[in-house]
């Protein structure tokens, strides 16, 4: 679905390394690989406000900010906790929608139009995803 959502936008590249890795997959490993592959680039790791709460518990958390700039998206209704890892916060529009909300709407037979790209909505419907 992410491939469909990014289709036609040259500013994004889908990286499947964490899905293709055997065993547990850790962000620190992916960032190290990306740093080695792109030594001159500035890496930014985008994270939702709800995930910021758990960053300190991530594997080798203290080293994460050395490999990439962590940018948190502040979502409406979720208080952004303090984090030494996050260096920048971006306020997003007050559209209080989450993946959980989308799955619930589909499960209840409601439309998710305008909440996901059309091709993603078509994929969800054609594969019968999230139906109870």
N, C-alpha and C. Protein backbone atom coordinates (compact mmCIF):
# COMPACT_ATOMS: atom_id res chain seq x y z
N UNK A 1 0.82 -1.19 0.00
CA UNK A 1 0.00 0.00 0.00
C UNK A 1 0.87 1.26 0.00
N UNK A 2 2.00 1.18 0.69
CA UNK A 2 2.89 2.34 0.69
C UNK A 2 3.43 2.60 -0.71
N UNK A 3 3.73 1.52 -1.43
CA UNK A 3 4.20 1.67 -2.81
C UNK A 3 3.16 2.42 -3.64
N UNK A 4 1.89 2.07 -3.48
CA UNK A 4 0.81 2.74 -4.20
C UNK A 4 0.69 4.20 -3.78
N UNK A 5 0.84 4.46 -2.49
CA UNK A 5 0.71 5.83 -1.99
C UNK A 5 1.83 6.74 -2.52
N UNK A 6 3.01 6.19 -2.71
CA UNK A 6 4.16 6.97 -3.17
C UNK A 6 4.28 7.03 -4.69
N UNK A 7 3.52 6.21 -5.38
CA UNK A 7 3.60 6.10 -6.83
C UNK A 7 3.48 7.47 -7.49
N UNK A 8 4.41 7.74 -8.39
CA UNK A 8 4.38 8.98 -9.15
C UNK A 8 5.01 10.16 -8.45
N UNK A 9 5.52 9.99 -7.23
CA UNK A 9 6.17 11.08 -6.52
C UNK A 9 7.66 10.79 -6.44
N UNK A 10 8.47 11.47 -7.28
CA UNK A 10 9.91 11.18 -7.34
C UNK A 10 10.67 11.58 -6.08
N UNK A 11 10.04 12.27 -5.16
CA UNK A 11 10.73 12.70 -3.94
C UNK A 11 10.80 11.62 -2.87
N UNK A 12 10.13 10.50 -3.12
CA UNK A 12 10.12 9.41 -2.16
C UNK A 12 10.67 8.15 -2.79
N UNK A 13 11.30 7.34 -1.96
CA UNK A 13 11.81 6.04 -2.40
C UNK A 13 11.43 5.03 -1.32
N UNK A 14 10.84 3.95 -1.74
CA UNK A 14 10.44 2.90 -0.82
C UNK A 14 11.64 2.01 -0.53
N UNK A 15 11.96 1.82 0.72
CA UNK A 15 13.09 0.99 1.13
C UNK A 15 12.54 -0.17 1.95
N UNK A 16 12.74 -1.36 1.46
CA UNK A 16 12.17 -2.56 2.10
C UNK A 16 13.15 -3.32 2.97
N UNK A 17 14.29 -2.73 3.30
CA UNK A 17 15.34 -3.46 4.00
C UNK A 17 14.87 -4.07 5.32
N UNK A 18 14.00 -3.38 6.04
CA UNK A 18 13.56 -3.91 7.33
C UNK A 18 12.60 -5.09 7.17
N UNK A 19 11.88 -5.13 6.09
CA UNK A 19 11.00 -6.27 5.82
C UNK A 19 11.78 -7.47 5.33
N UNK A 20 12.89 -7.22 4.66
CA UNK A 20 13.67 -8.29 4.06
C UNK A 20 14.73 -8.86 5.01
N UNK A 21 14.94 -8.21 6.13
CA UNK A 21 15.94 -8.65 7.09
C UNK A 21 15.44 -9.87 7.86
N UNK A 22 16.29 -10.86 8.02
CA UNK A 22 15.94 -12.03 8.82
C UNK A 22 15.97 -11.66 10.30
N UNK A 23 15.06 -12.19 11.05
CA UNK A 23 15.02 -11.94 12.49
C UNK A 23 14.53 -10.54 12.80
N UNK A 24 14.76 -10.11 14.04
CA UNK A 24 14.30 -8.77 14.44
C UNK A 24 14.98 -7.68 13.62
N UNK A 25 14.27 -6.61 13.39
CA UNK A 25 14.81 -5.50 12.62
C UNK A 25 14.82 -4.26 13.52
N UNK A 26 15.97 -3.61 13.60
CA UNK A 26 16.11 -2.46 14.48
C UNK A 26 16.48 -1.21 13.67
N UNK A 27 15.89 -0.10 14.06
CA UNK A 27 16.14 1.17 13.38
C UNK A 27 17.62 1.52 13.36
N UNK A 28 18.31 1.26 14.46
CA UNK A 28 19.73 1.60 14.53
C UNK A 28 20.52 0.89 13.42
N UNK A 29 20.17 -0.36 13.12
CA UNK A 29 20.85 -1.10 12.05
C UNK A 29 20.57 -0.48 10.69
N UNK A 30 19.33 -0.12 10.46
CA UNK A 30 18.96 0.49 9.18
C UNK A 30 19.64 1.84 9.00
N UNK A 31 19.70 2.63 10.06
CA UNK A 31 20.35 3.94 9.96
C UNK A 31 21.85 3.79 9.70
N UNK A 32 22.47 2.82 10.31
CA UNK A 32 23.90 2.58 10.05
C UNK A 32 24.11 2.20 8.59
N UNK A 33 23.26 1.33 8.06
CA UNK A 33 23.37 0.93 6.65
C UNK A 33 23.17 2.13 5.73
N UNK A 34 22.13 2.92 6.02
CA UNK A 34 21.86 4.09 5.18
C UNK A 34 23.00 5.10 5.26
N UNK A 35 23.57 5.30 6.43
CA UNK A 35 24.71 6.22 6.59
C UNK A 35 25.88 5.75 5.75
N UNK A 36 26.13 4.44 5.74
CA UNK A 36 27.23 3.89 4.92
C UNK A 36 26.95 4.03 3.43
N UNK A 37 25.70 3.87 3.04
CA UNK A 37 25.32 3.97 1.62
C UNK A 37 25.29 5.41 1.13
N UNK A 38 25.03 6.35 2.03
CA UNK A 38 24.88 7.77 1.66
C UNK A 38 25.69 8.63 2.63
N UNK A 39 27.02 8.51 2.59
CA UNK A 39 27.84 9.18 3.60
C UNK A 39 27.75 10.70 3.61
N UNK A 40 27.44 11.33 2.50
CA UNK A 40 27.39 12.78 2.45
C UNK A 40 26.01 13.37 2.68
N UNK A 41 25.01 12.53 2.78
CA UNK A 41 23.63 13.01 2.90
C UNK A 41 23.23 13.24 4.35
N UNK A 42 22.33 14.19 4.54
CA UNK A 42 21.74 14.39 5.86
C UNK A 42 20.50 13.51 5.93
N UNK A 43 20.48 12.58 6.86
CA UNK A 43 19.34 11.69 7.01
C UNK A 43 18.37 12.26 8.03
N UNK A 44 17.09 12.21 7.69
CA UNK A 44 16.04 12.62 8.62
C UNK A 44 15.13 11.42 8.87
N UNK A 45 14.86 11.17 10.12
CA UNK A 45 13.96 10.08 10.49
C UNK A 45 12.68 10.72 11.00
N UNK A 46 11.61 10.49 10.28
CA UNK A 46 10.32 11.08 10.63
C UNK A 46 9.58 10.14 11.56
N UNK A 47 9.08 10.69 12.65
CA UNK A 47 8.42 9.86 13.65
C UNK A 47 7.17 10.57 14.16
N UNK A 48 6.12 9.81 14.37
CA UNK A 48 4.89 10.36 14.90
C UNK A 48 5.03 10.66 16.38
N UNK A 49 4.23 11.60 16.86
CA UNK A 49 4.30 12.01 18.26
C UNK A 49 4.06 10.85 19.20
N UNK A 50 3.19 9.94 18.81
CA UNK A 50 2.90 8.81 19.70
C UNK A 50 4.10 7.89 19.84
N UNK A 51 4.95 7.81 18.82
CA UNK A 51 6.14 6.95 18.87
C UNK A 51 7.26 7.59 19.69
N UNK A 52 7.23 8.91 19.84
CA UNK A 52 8.28 9.60 20.60
C UNK A 52 8.34 9.07 22.04
N UNK A 53 7.18 8.71 22.57
CA UNK A 53 7.13 8.20 23.95
C UNK A 53 8.04 6.99 24.14
N UNK A 54 8.22 6.19 23.09
CA UNK A 54 8.97 4.94 23.21
C UNK A 54 10.41 5.03 22.72
N UNK A 55 10.82 6.17 22.18
CA UNK A 55 12.16 6.26 21.57
C UNK A 55 13.28 5.87 22.53
N UNK A 56 13.19 6.28 23.76
CA UNK A 56 14.26 5.99 24.72
C UNK A 56 14.44 4.49 24.94
N UNK A 57 13.43 3.69 24.63
CA UNK A 57 13.51 2.24 24.82
C UNK A 57 13.99 1.53 23.55
N UNK A 58 14.17 2.25 22.45
CA UNK A 58 14.63 1.63 21.22
C UNK A 58 16.07 1.16 21.40
N UNK A 59 16.46 0.15 20.65
CA UNK A 59 17.83 -0.39 20.71
C UNK A 59 18.84 0.72 20.42
N UNK A 60 19.82 0.83 21.29
CA UNK A 60 20.90 1.83 21.19
C UNK A 60 20.35 3.24 20.97
N UNK A 61 19.34 3.58 21.73
CA UNK A 61 18.64 4.86 21.58
C UNK A 61 19.58 6.07 21.62
N UNK A 62 20.57 6.04 22.47
CA UNK A 62 21.47 7.18 22.60
C UNK A 62 22.26 7.46 21.33
N UNK A 63 22.40 6.47 20.47
CA UNK A 63 23.17 6.64 19.23
C UNK A 63 22.31 7.04 18.03
N UNK A 64 21.00 6.95 18.16
CA UNK A 64 20.12 7.23 17.03
C UNK A 64 20.33 8.63 16.45
N UNK A 65 20.39 9.63 17.33
CA UNK A 65 20.50 11.02 16.87
C UNK A 65 21.85 11.33 16.24
N UNK A 66 22.84 10.45 16.44
CA UNK A 66 24.14 10.64 15.80
C UNK A 66 24.10 10.23 14.33
N UNK A 67 23.12 9.41 13.98
CA UNK A 67 23.03 8.88 12.62
C UNK A 67 22.03 9.61 11.75
N UNK A 68 21.03 10.24 12.38
CA UNK A 68 20.00 10.95 11.62
C UNK A 68 19.37 12.01 12.51
N UNK A 69 18.81 13.01 11.88
CA UNK A 69 18.03 14.01 12.61
C UNK A 69 16.64 13.43 12.80
N UNK A 70 16.19 13.37 14.05
CA UNK A 70 14.86 12.84 14.34
C UNK A 70 13.88 14.01 14.37
N UNK A 71 12.88 13.91 13.50
CA UNK A 71 11.87 14.96 13.36
C UNK A 71 10.52 14.36 13.75
N UNK A 72 9.88 14.97 14.73
CA UNK A 72 8.60 14.46 15.22
C UNK A 72 7.45 15.28 14.63
N UNK A 73 6.40 14.57 14.26
CA UNK A 73 5.18 15.21 13.81
C UNK A 73 4.23 15.29 14.99
N UNK A 74 3.88 16.49 15.37
CA UNK A 74 2.96 16.70 16.49
C UNK A 74 1.54 16.53 15.99
N UNK A 75 0.86 15.50 16.49
CA UNK A 75 -0.52 15.22 16.09
C UNK A 75 -1.48 15.85 17.08
N UNK A 76 -2.62 16.29 16.58
CA UNK A 76 -3.63 16.86 17.47
C UNK A 76 -4.05 15.87 18.54
N UNK A 77 -4.14 16.36 19.77
CA UNK A 77 -4.63 15.52 20.86
C UNK A 77 -3.60 14.62 21.49
N UNK A 78 -2.38 14.61 20.98
CA UNK A 78 -1.33 13.78 21.57
C UNK A 78 -0.22 14.70 22.07
N UNK A 79 -0.01 14.66 23.36
CA UNK A 79 1.03 15.49 23.95
C UNK A 79 2.40 14.93 23.58
N UNK A 80 3.26 15.79 23.10
CA UNK A 80 4.59 15.37 22.67
C UNK A 80 5.52 15.37 23.87
N UNK A 81 5.99 14.20 24.28
CA UNK A 81 6.90 14.15 25.43
C UNK A 81 8.27 14.71 25.08
N UNK A 82 9.01 15.13 26.09
CA UNK A 82 10.38 15.58 25.87
C UNK A 82 11.23 14.40 25.45
N UNK A 83 12.15 14.66 24.52
CA UNK A 83 13.04 13.61 24.06
C UNK A 83 14.37 14.23 23.64
N UNK A 84 15.45 13.66 24.15
CA UNK A 84 16.77 14.13 23.75
C UNK A 84 17.10 13.70 22.32
N UNK A 85 16.36 12.75 21.81
CA UNK A 85 16.63 12.23 20.46
C UNK A 85 16.02 13.12 19.39
N UNK A 86 14.84 13.68 19.68
CA UNK A 86 14.13 14.51 18.71
C UNK A 86 14.74 15.91 18.69
N UNK A 87 15.14 16.37 17.50
CA UNK A 87 15.75 17.70 17.37
C UNK A 87 14.81 18.74 16.79
N UNK A 88 13.72 18.27 16.17
CA UNK A 88 12.80 19.21 15.54
C UNK A 88 11.39 18.65 15.61
N UNK A 89 10.43 19.55 15.78
CA UNK A 89 9.02 19.17 15.82
C UNK A 89 8.29 19.94 14.72
N UNK A 90 7.46 19.24 13.98
CA UNK A 90 6.65 19.86 12.94
C UNK A 90 5.19 19.70 13.32
N UNK A 91 4.49 20.81 13.40
CA UNK A 91 3.06 20.77 13.68
C UNK A 91 2.33 20.38 12.41
N UNK A 92 1.47 19.40 12.49
CA UNK A 92 0.69 18.99 11.33
C UNK A 92 -0.71 19.55 11.45
N UNK A 93 -1.42 19.67 10.34
CA UNK A 93 -2.79 20.20 10.39
C UNK A 93 -3.67 19.38 11.32
N UNK A 94 -4.67 20.00 11.82
CA UNK A 94 -5.56 19.37 12.79
C UNK A 94 -6.50 18.38 12.12
N UNK A 95 -5.91 17.35 11.55
CA UNK A 95 -6.69 16.27 10.97
C UNK A 95 -6.42 15.06 11.86
N UNK A 96 -7.30 14.85 12.79
CA UNK A 96 -7.10 13.78 13.76
C UNK A 96 -7.52 12.44 13.17
N UNK A 97 -6.62 11.86 12.39
CA UNK A 97 -6.89 10.56 11.79
C UNK A 97 -5.64 9.71 11.95
N UNK A 98 -5.84 8.46 12.25
CA UNK A 98 -4.72 7.55 12.43
C UNK A 98 -4.97 6.28 11.62
N UNK A 99 -3.95 5.44 11.53
CA UNK A 99 -4.11 4.16 10.85
C UNK A 99 -5.21 3.34 11.53
N UNK A 100 -5.26 3.44 12.84
CA UNK A 100 -6.29 2.72 13.60
C UNK A 100 -7.68 3.21 13.19
N UNK A 101 -7.83 4.53 13.05
CA UNK A 101 -9.12 5.09 12.63
C UNK A 101 -9.50 4.60 11.24
N UNK A 102 -8.53 4.52 10.35
CA UNK A 102 -8.79 4.08 8.97
C UNK A 102 -9.22 2.62 8.96
N UNK A 103 -8.51 1.78 9.70
CA UNK A 103 -8.89 0.36 9.76
C UNK A 103 -10.28 0.20 10.36
N UNK A 104 -10.58 0.98 11.38
CA UNK A 104 -11.91 0.90 12.01
C UNK A 104 -13.01 1.32 11.04
N UNK A 105 -12.77 2.42 10.30
CA UNK A 105 -13.76 2.90 9.34
C UNK A 105 -14.04 1.84 8.27
N UNK A 106 -12.98 1.23 7.75
CA UNK A 106 -13.15 0.18 6.74
C UNK A 106 -13.93 -0.98 7.34
N UNK A 107 -13.59 -1.37 8.55
CA UNK A 107 -14.28 -2.47 9.21
C UNK A 107 -15.76 -2.22 9.41
N UNK A 108 -16.12 -0.95 9.55
CA UNK A 108 -17.53 -0.57 9.73
C UNK A 108 -18.21 -0.27 8.40
N UNK A 109 -17.47 -0.42 7.30
CA UNK A 109 -18.05 -0.18 5.98
C UNK A 109 -18.13 1.28 5.58
N UNK A 110 -17.39 2.13 6.26
CA UNK A 110 -17.39 3.56 5.94
C UNK A 110 -16.32 3.87 4.89
N UNK A 111 -16.52 4.96 4.20
CA UNK A 111 -15.57 5.39 3.18
C UNK A 111 -14.30 5.95 3.83
N UNK A 112 -13.16 5.68 3.20
CA UNK A 112 -11.90 6.27 3.64
C UNK A 112 -11.36 7.23 2.57
N UNK A 113 -12.27 7.63 1.67
CA UNK A 113 -11.89 8.58 0.63
C UNK A 113 -11.39 9.85 1.29
N UNK A 114 -10.34 10.42 0.76
CA UNK A 114 -9.66 11.61 1.25
C UNK A 114 -8.80 11.33 2.49
N UNK A 115 -8.89 10.14 3.06
CA UNK A 115 -8.04 9.78 4.20
C UNK A 115 -6.80 9.02 3.73
N UNK A 116 -6.93 8.34 2.61
CA UNK A 116 -5.81 7.63 1.99
C UNK A 116 -5.87 7.91 0.49
N UNK A 117 -4.75 7.77 -0.22
CA UNK A 117 -4.79 7.94 -1.67
C UNK A 117 -5.78 6.95 -2.29
N UNK A 118 -6.40 7.35 -3.39
CA UNK A 118 -7.40 6.52 -4.05
C UNK A 118 -6.90 5.11 -4.33
N UNK A 119 -5.66 4.98 -4.80
CA UNK A 119 -5.13 3.65 -5.12
C UNK A 119 -5.01 2.78 -3.87
N UNK A 120 -4.74 3.39 -2.74
CA UNK A 120 -4.66 2.64 -1.49
C UNK A 120 -6.06 2.18 -1.07
N UNK A 121 -7.04 3.06 -1.20
CA UNK A 121 -8.42 2.69 -0.87
C UNK A 121 -8.89 1.54 -1.77
N UNK A 122 -8.53 1.60 -3.05
CA UNK A 122 -8.89 0.53 -3.99
C UNK A 122 -8.23 -0.79 -3.59
N UNK A 123 -6.98 -0.73 -3.18
CA UNK A 123 -6.25 -1.94 -2.76
C UNK A 123 -6.90 -2.55 -1.52
N UNK A 124 -7.23 -1.72 -0.54
CA UNK A 124 -7.88 -2.20 0.68
C UNK A 124 -9.19 -2.90 0.33
N UNK A 125 -9.98 -2.27 -0.54
CA UNK A 125 -11.28 -2.85 -0.91
C UNK A 125 -11.11 -4.15 -1.71
N UNK A 126 -10.21 -4.14 -2.68
CA UNK A 126 -10.06 -5.31 -3.54
C UNK A 126 -9.48 -6.52 -2.80
N UNK A 127 -8.74 -6.27 -1.71
CA UNK A 127 -8.15 -7.37 -0.94
C UNK A 127 -8.95 -7.68 0.33
N UNK A 128 -10.06 -6.96 0.51
CA UNK A 128 -10.91 -7.23 1.67
C UNK A 128 -10.23 -7.00 3.01
N UNK A 129 -9.31 -6.04 3.05
CA UNK A 129 -8.58 -5.78 4.29
C UNK A 129 -9.45 -5.10 5.34
N UNK A 130 -9.18 -5.40 6.57
CA UNK A 130 -9.77 -4.75 7.76
C UNK A 130 -11.26 -5.01 7.93
N UNK A 131 -11.82 -5.89 7.15
CA UNK A 131 -13.24 -6.24 7.32
C UNK A 131 -13.36 -7.21 8.48
N UNK A 132 -14.38 -7.02 9.30
CA UNK A 132 -14.55 -7.92 10.45
C UNK A 132 -15.53 -9.02 10.11
